[in-house]
């Protein structure tokens, strides 16, 4: 978050608190107690972690279905901070840090189904009887030809956008399901809204929706930077609104 965004968030939070009803202000002051803060913090942390894990698993699952390649989900740290072995590995999940809102998915951008189809068709169409198997394979599956097939078998923009978009929806549904299980009801909160924003609006360079907007609407980085000011303000506003509205979000 930039300095301008920090100042904007501080001013927005202060203004929202000062204009809130007295009973809401009282509830917020009560949340400053250590026990209440610890309980609310644990709820927030687990909610973020579940939503992030579901978000990244959504990416991984649809990528595996569309491309057929191996996938891995990394949680707790940005990709630039994960050069060492994960602290904990559970199947395709790698726990590499403590930040519950950070995660990324490794998946191949090559459609393995399409690549195998191209190779198989080429071999069938050009295989000539009477030669040794080794000679045929060396001729039909040269490194140059295989590289060409690999380039031709890249996931389409539509497939990549599906992978990006579905992740946010999975994170949203996971948060809703967690609320229903733990609280017996569904109430919109900041995590749900943030996951939806992350699927629909560009919130940061390189985010899911940022890439979709950049490629779908052919927007430049400069144009997207201007949009980011508005979308970031919307995300901060939602955070402040739910903080004031619901005491469970007091740690925000």
Protein backbone atom coordinates (compact mmCIF):
# COMPACT_ATOMS: atom_id res chain seq x y z
CA UNK A 1 0.00 0.00 0.00
CA UNK A 2 1.42 3.38 -0.99
CA UNK A 3 1.69 6.40 1.31
CA UNK A 4 -1.24 8.08 -0.45
CA UNK A 5 -3.38 4.98 0.05
CA UNK A 6 -2.39 4.80 3.74
CA UNK A 7 -3.37 8.44 4.26
CA UNK A 8 -6.64 7.91 2.39
CA UNK A 9 -7.42 4.82 4.47
CA UNK A 10 -6.67 6.69 7.71
CA UNK A 11 -8.85 9.66 6.78
CA UNK A 12 -11.66 7.40 5.61
CA UNK A 13 -11.54 5.32 8.79
CA UNK A 14 -11.51 8.41 11.01
CA UNK A 15 -14.39 10.06 9.17
CA UNK A 16 -16.41 6.83 9.21
CA UNK A 17 -15.88 6.37 12.96
CA UNK A 18 -16.77 9.98 13.81
CA UNK A 19 -19.98 9.84 11.77
CA UNK A 20 -21.03 6.39 13.04
CA UNK A 21 -23.89 6.02 15.57
CA UNK A 22 -22.92 6.09 19.24
CA UNK A 23 -23.69 2.39 19.81
CA UNK A 24 -21.38 1.37 16.97
CA UNK A 25 -18.60 3.59 18.34
CA UNK A 26 -19.11 1.94 21.71
CA UNK A 27 -18.85 -1.53 20.16
CA UNK A 28 -15.60 -0.60 18.46
CA UNK A 29 -14.11 0.73 21.70
CA UNK A 30 -15.07 -2.49 23.46
CA UNK A 31 -13.17 -4.49 20.85
CA UNK A 32 -9.94 -2.80 21.97
CA UNK A 33 -9.81 -5.20 24.93
CA UNK A 34 -6.99 -7.80 24.56
CA UNK A 35 -9.24 -10.86 24.80
CA UNK A 36 -11.70 -9.57 22.23
CA UNK A 37 -8.91 -8.52 19.89
CA UNK A 38 -7.24 -11.94 20.15
CA UNK A 39 -10.48 -13.80 19.45
CA UNK A 40 -11.40 -11.56 16.54
CA UNK A 41 -7.87 -11.78 15.19
CA UNK A 42 -7.91 -15.59 15.23
CA UNK A 43 -11.26 -15.60 13.42
CA UNK A 44 -9.97 -13.18 10.81
CA UNK A 45 -6.71 -15.09 10.31
CA UNK A 46 -8.38 -18.46 9.81
CA UNK A 47 -11.01 -16.93 7.52
CA UNK A 48 -8.36 -15.32 5.33
CA UNK A 49 -6.29 -18.50 5.19
CA UNK A 50 -9.27 -20.66 4.19
CA UNK A 51 -10.39 -18.14 1.57
CA UNK A 52 -6.86 -17.83 0.14
CA UNK A 53 -6.36 -21.61 0.06
CA UNK A 54 -9.69 -22.08 -1.73
CA UNK A 55 -8.84 -19.23 -4.11
CA UNK A 56 -5.53 -20.80 -5.14
CA UNK A 57 -7.00 -24.30 -5.26
CA UNK A 58 -9.63 -22.96 -7.66
CA UNK A 59 -6.82 -21.79 -9.94
CA UNK A 60 -5.02 -25.14 -9.64
CA UNK A 61 -8.09 -27.30 -10.20
CA UNK A 62 -9.34 -25.55 -13.33
CA UNK A 63 -5.77 -25.31 -14.70
CA UNK A 64 -5.36 -29.06 -14.29
CA UNK A 65 -8.68 -29.72 -15.97
CA UNK A 66 -8.00 -27.41 -18.92
CA UNK A 67 -4.31 -28.13 -19.40
CA UNK A 68 -3.69 -31.52 -17.86
CA UNK A 69 -0.35 -30.47 -16.35
CA UNK A 70 0.95 -30.64 -12.80
CA UNK A 71 -0.08 -27.88 -10.39
CA UNK A 72 1.04 -26.75 -6.94
CA UNK A 73 -0.50 -24.29 -4.47
CA UNK A 74 1.77 -22.06 -2.36
CA UNK A 75 0.41 -20.21 0.69
CA UNK A 76 1.68 -17.63 3.16
CA UNK A 77 4.32 -15.80 1.13
CA UNK A 78 4.71 -14.07 -2.25
CA UNK A 79 6.42 -16.08 -4.97
CA UNK A 80 9.60 -13.96 -4.67
CA UNK A 81 10.04 -15.14 -1.05
CA UNK A 82 9.71 -18.88 -1.65
CA UNK A 83 13.16 -19.94 -2.81
CA UNK A 84 13.59 -22.48 -0.01
CA UNK A 85 11.73 -25.69 0.77
CA UNK A 86 8.22 -25.19 2.23
CA UNK A 87 7.72 -25.42 5.99
CA UNK A 88 4.81 -27.82 5.55
CA UNK A 89 3.63 -29.71 2.46
CA UNK A 90 0.24 -31.39 2.27
CA UNK A 91 -0.20 -32.87 -1.18
CA UNK A 92 -0.13 -30.03 -3.66
CA UNK A 93 -0.39 -27.43 -0.86
CA UNK A 94 2.88 -25.80 0.25
CA UNK A 95 2.84 -23.64 3.41
CA UNK A 96 5.69 -21.16 3.03
CA UNK A 97 4.79 -18.27 5.33
CA UNK A 98 2.34 -16.82 7.83
CA UNK A 99 0.58 -14.17 5.74
CA UNK A 100 -2.98 -15.53 5.32
CA UNK A 101 -3.84 -13.31 2.35
CA UNK A 102 -0.84 -14.26 0.19
CA UNK A 103 -0.72 -17.21 -2.16
CA UNK A 104 -0.02 -18.22 -5.71
CA UNK A 105 -0.43 -21.24 -7.97
CA UNK A 106 2.16 -22.85 -10.20
CA UNK A 107 0.71 -24.42 -13.33
CA UNK A 108 1.83 -25.08 -16.88
CA UNK A 109 0.63 -22.68 -19.56
CA UNK A 110 0.87 -25.53 -22.08
CA UNK A 111 -2.24 -27.56 -22.83
CA UNK A 112 -0.85 -31.06 -22.37
CA UNK A 113 -3.93 -32.65 -23.96
CA UNK A 114 -3.46 -30.58 -27.11
CA UNK A 115 0.30 -31.22 -27.18
CA UNK A 116 -0.18 -34.99 -27.00
CA UNK A 117 -2.85 -34.81 -29.71
CA UNK A 118 -0.56 -32.90 -32.07
CA UNK A 119 2.34 -35.28 -31.50
CA UNK A 120 0.16 -38.37 -31.92
CA UNK A 121 -1.42 -37.10 -35.14
CA UNK A 122 1.96 -36.15 -36.57
CA UNK A 123 3.44 -39.56 -35.84
CA UNK A 124 0.43 -41.41 -37.28
CA UNK A 125 0.37 -39.29 -40.45
CA UNK A 126 4.12 -39.53 -41.15
CA UNK A 127 5.06 -42.96 -39.87
CA UNK A 128 6.45 -45.09 -42.69
CA UNK A 129 6.66 -48.90 -42.38
CA UNK A 130 9.92 -50.65 -43.07
CA UNK A 131 12.20 -48.42 -40.99
CA UNK A 132 13.47 -49.07 -37.52
CA UNK A 133 11.49 -47.64 -34.63
CA UNK A 134 14.43 -45.61 -33.33
CA UNK A 135 15.05 -43.94 -36.66
CA UNK A 136 11.38 -43.06 -37.01
CA UNK A 137 11.20 -41.53 -33.56
CA UNK A 138 14.35 -39.51 -34.04
CA UNK A 139 12.99 -38.11 -37.28
CA UNK A 140 9.38 -37.56 -36.22
CA UNK A 141 10.05 -36.24 -32.70
CA UNK A 142 13.00 -33.91 -33.16
CA UNK A 143 13.55 -31.25 -30.51
CA UNK A 144 12.75 -28.47 -33.01
CA UNK A 145 9.45 -30.06 -34.00
CA UNK A 146 8.48 -30.75 -30.39
CA UNK A 147 9.26 -27.12 -29.48
CA UNK A 148 7.02 -25.96 -32.32
CA UNK A 149 4.17 -28.19 -31.14
CA UNK A 150 4.66 -26.86 -27.60
CA UNK A 151 4.29 -23.26 -28.74
CA UNK A 152 1.18 -24.16 -30.74
CA UNK A 153 -0.35 -25.91 -27.71
CA UNK A 154 -0.32 -22.96 -25.31
CA UNK A 155 -3.48 -22.35 -23.34
CA UNK A 156 -5.80 -19.93 -25.09
CA UNK A 157 -6.48 -16.48 -23.56
CA UNK A 158 -10.01 -17.64 -22.72
CA UNK A 159 -8.67 -20.64 -20.80
CA UNK A 160 -6.16 -18.52 -18.88
CA UNK A 161 -8.86 -16.00 -18.00
CA UNK A 162 -11.11 -18.80 -16.75
CA UNK A 163 -8.30 -19.99 -14.49
CA UNK A 164 -7.84 -16.47 -13.08
CA UNK A 165 -11.53 -15.70 -12.69
CA UNK A 166 -12.62 -18.95 -11.04
CA UNK A 167 -10.05 -18.62 -8.27
CA UNK A 168 -11.76 -15.56 -6.81
CA UNK A 169 -15.16 -17.22 -6.99
CA UNK A 170 -13.83 -20.26 -5.11
CA UNK A 171 -12.41 -17.99 -2.40
CA UNK A 172 -15.76 -16.24 -2.09
CA UNK A 173 -17.71 -19.50 -1.85
CA UNK A 174 -15.27 -20.87 0.74
CA UNK A 175 -15.78 -17.83 2.96
CA UNK A 176 -19.56 -18.11 2.64
CA UNK A 177 -19.45 -21.82 3.47
CA UNK A 178 -17.22 -21.16 6.48
CA UNK A 179 -19.69 -18.59 7.80
CA UNK A 180 -22.63 -20.94 7.40
CA UNK A 181 -20.79 -23.78 9.18
CA UNK A 182 -19.35 -21.73 12.06
CA UNK A 183 -22.11 -19.17 12.55
CA UNK A 184 -25.19 -20.81 11.08
CA UNK A 185 -25.90 -17.93 8.71
CA UNK A 186 -24.44 -15.91 5.88
CA UNK A 187 -23.56 -12.24 6.28
CA UNK A 188 -21.53 -10.31 3.69
CA UNK A 189 -18.15 -9.22 5.07
CA UNK A 190 -14.93 -7.69 3.81
CA UNK A 191 -13.28 -11.01 2.91
CA UNK A 192 -16.20 -11.95 0.68
CA UNK A 193 -16.28 -8.53 -0.96
CA UNK A 194 -12.50 -8.50 -1.40
CA UNK A 195 -12.50 -11.91 -3.09
CA UNK A 196 -15.23 -10.71 -5.48
CA UNK A 197 -13.31 -7.51 -6.17
CA UNK A 198 -10.19 -9.55 -6.84
CA UNK A 199 -12.06 -11.54 -9.50
CA UNK A 200 -13.82 -8.59 -11.12
CA UNK A 201 -11.66 -5.50 -10.57
CA UNK A 202 -7.92 -4.81 -10.96
CA UNK A 203 -6.73 -4.24 -7.39
CA UNK A 204 -2.96 -4.45 -7.94
CA UNK A 205 -0.51 -4.95 -10.82
CA UNK A 206 -0.34 -8.64 -11.66
CA UNK A 207 -3.55 -9.52 -9.81
CA UNK A 208 -6.10 -11.82 -11.42
CA UNK A 209 -8.51 -9.19 -12.66
CA UNK A 210 -5.62 -6.86 -13.61
CA UNK A 211 -4.37 -9.41 -16.14
CA UNK A 212 -7.87 -10.06 -17.46
CA UNK A 213 -8.61 -6.35 -17.91
CA UNK A 214 -5.22 -5.73 -19.52
CA UNK A 215 -5.70 -8.47 -22.10
CA UNK A 216 -9.46 -8.30 -22.66
CA UNK A 217 -9.69 -4.53 -23.02
CA UNK A 218 -6.12 -4.05 -24.33
CA UNK A 219 -5.34 -1.45 -21.66
CA UNK A 220 -1.88 -0.06 -21.08
CA UNK A 221 -0.17 0.01 -17.67
CA UNK A 222 -0.76 3.76 -17.51
CA UNK A 223 -4.49 3.36 -18.11
CA UNK A 224 -4.74 0.59 -15.53
CA UNK A 225 -2.82 2.67 -12.98
CA UNK A 226 -5.57 5.29 -13.18
CA UNK A 227 -8.23 2.63 -12.67
CA UNK A 228 -6.31 1.24 -9.69
CA UNK A 229 -6.85 4.45 -7.71
CA UNK A 230 -10.63 3.98 -7.93
CA UNK A 231 -10.66 0.23 -7.32
CA UNK A 232 -8.27 0.55 -4.37
CA UNK A 233 -10.50 3.21 -2.84
CA UNK A 234 -13.51 0.91 -3.28
CA UNK A 235 -11.65 -1.94 -1.57
CA UNK A 236 -10.56 0.29 1.34
CA UNK A 237 -14.08 1.70 1.66
CA UNK A 238 -15.50 -1.82 1.88
CA UNK A 239 -12.93 -2.67 4.55
CA UNK A 240 -13.83 0.37 6.65
CA UNK A 241 -17.57 -0.14 6.15
CA UNK A 242 -17.53 -3.74 7.38
CA UNK A 243 -15.16 -2.84 10.21
CA UNK A 244 -17.69 -0.35 11.54
CA UNK A 245 -20.72 -2.48 10.71
CA UNK A 246 -19.50 -5.76 12.21
CA UNK A 247 -17.43 -6.00 15.38
CA UNK A 248 -15.83 -9.26 14.14
CA UNK A 249 -13.76 -7.19 11.73
CA UNK A 250 -12.41 -4.85 14.42
CA UNK A 251 -8.72 -5.89 13.82
CA UNK A 252 -8.91 -4.22 10.39
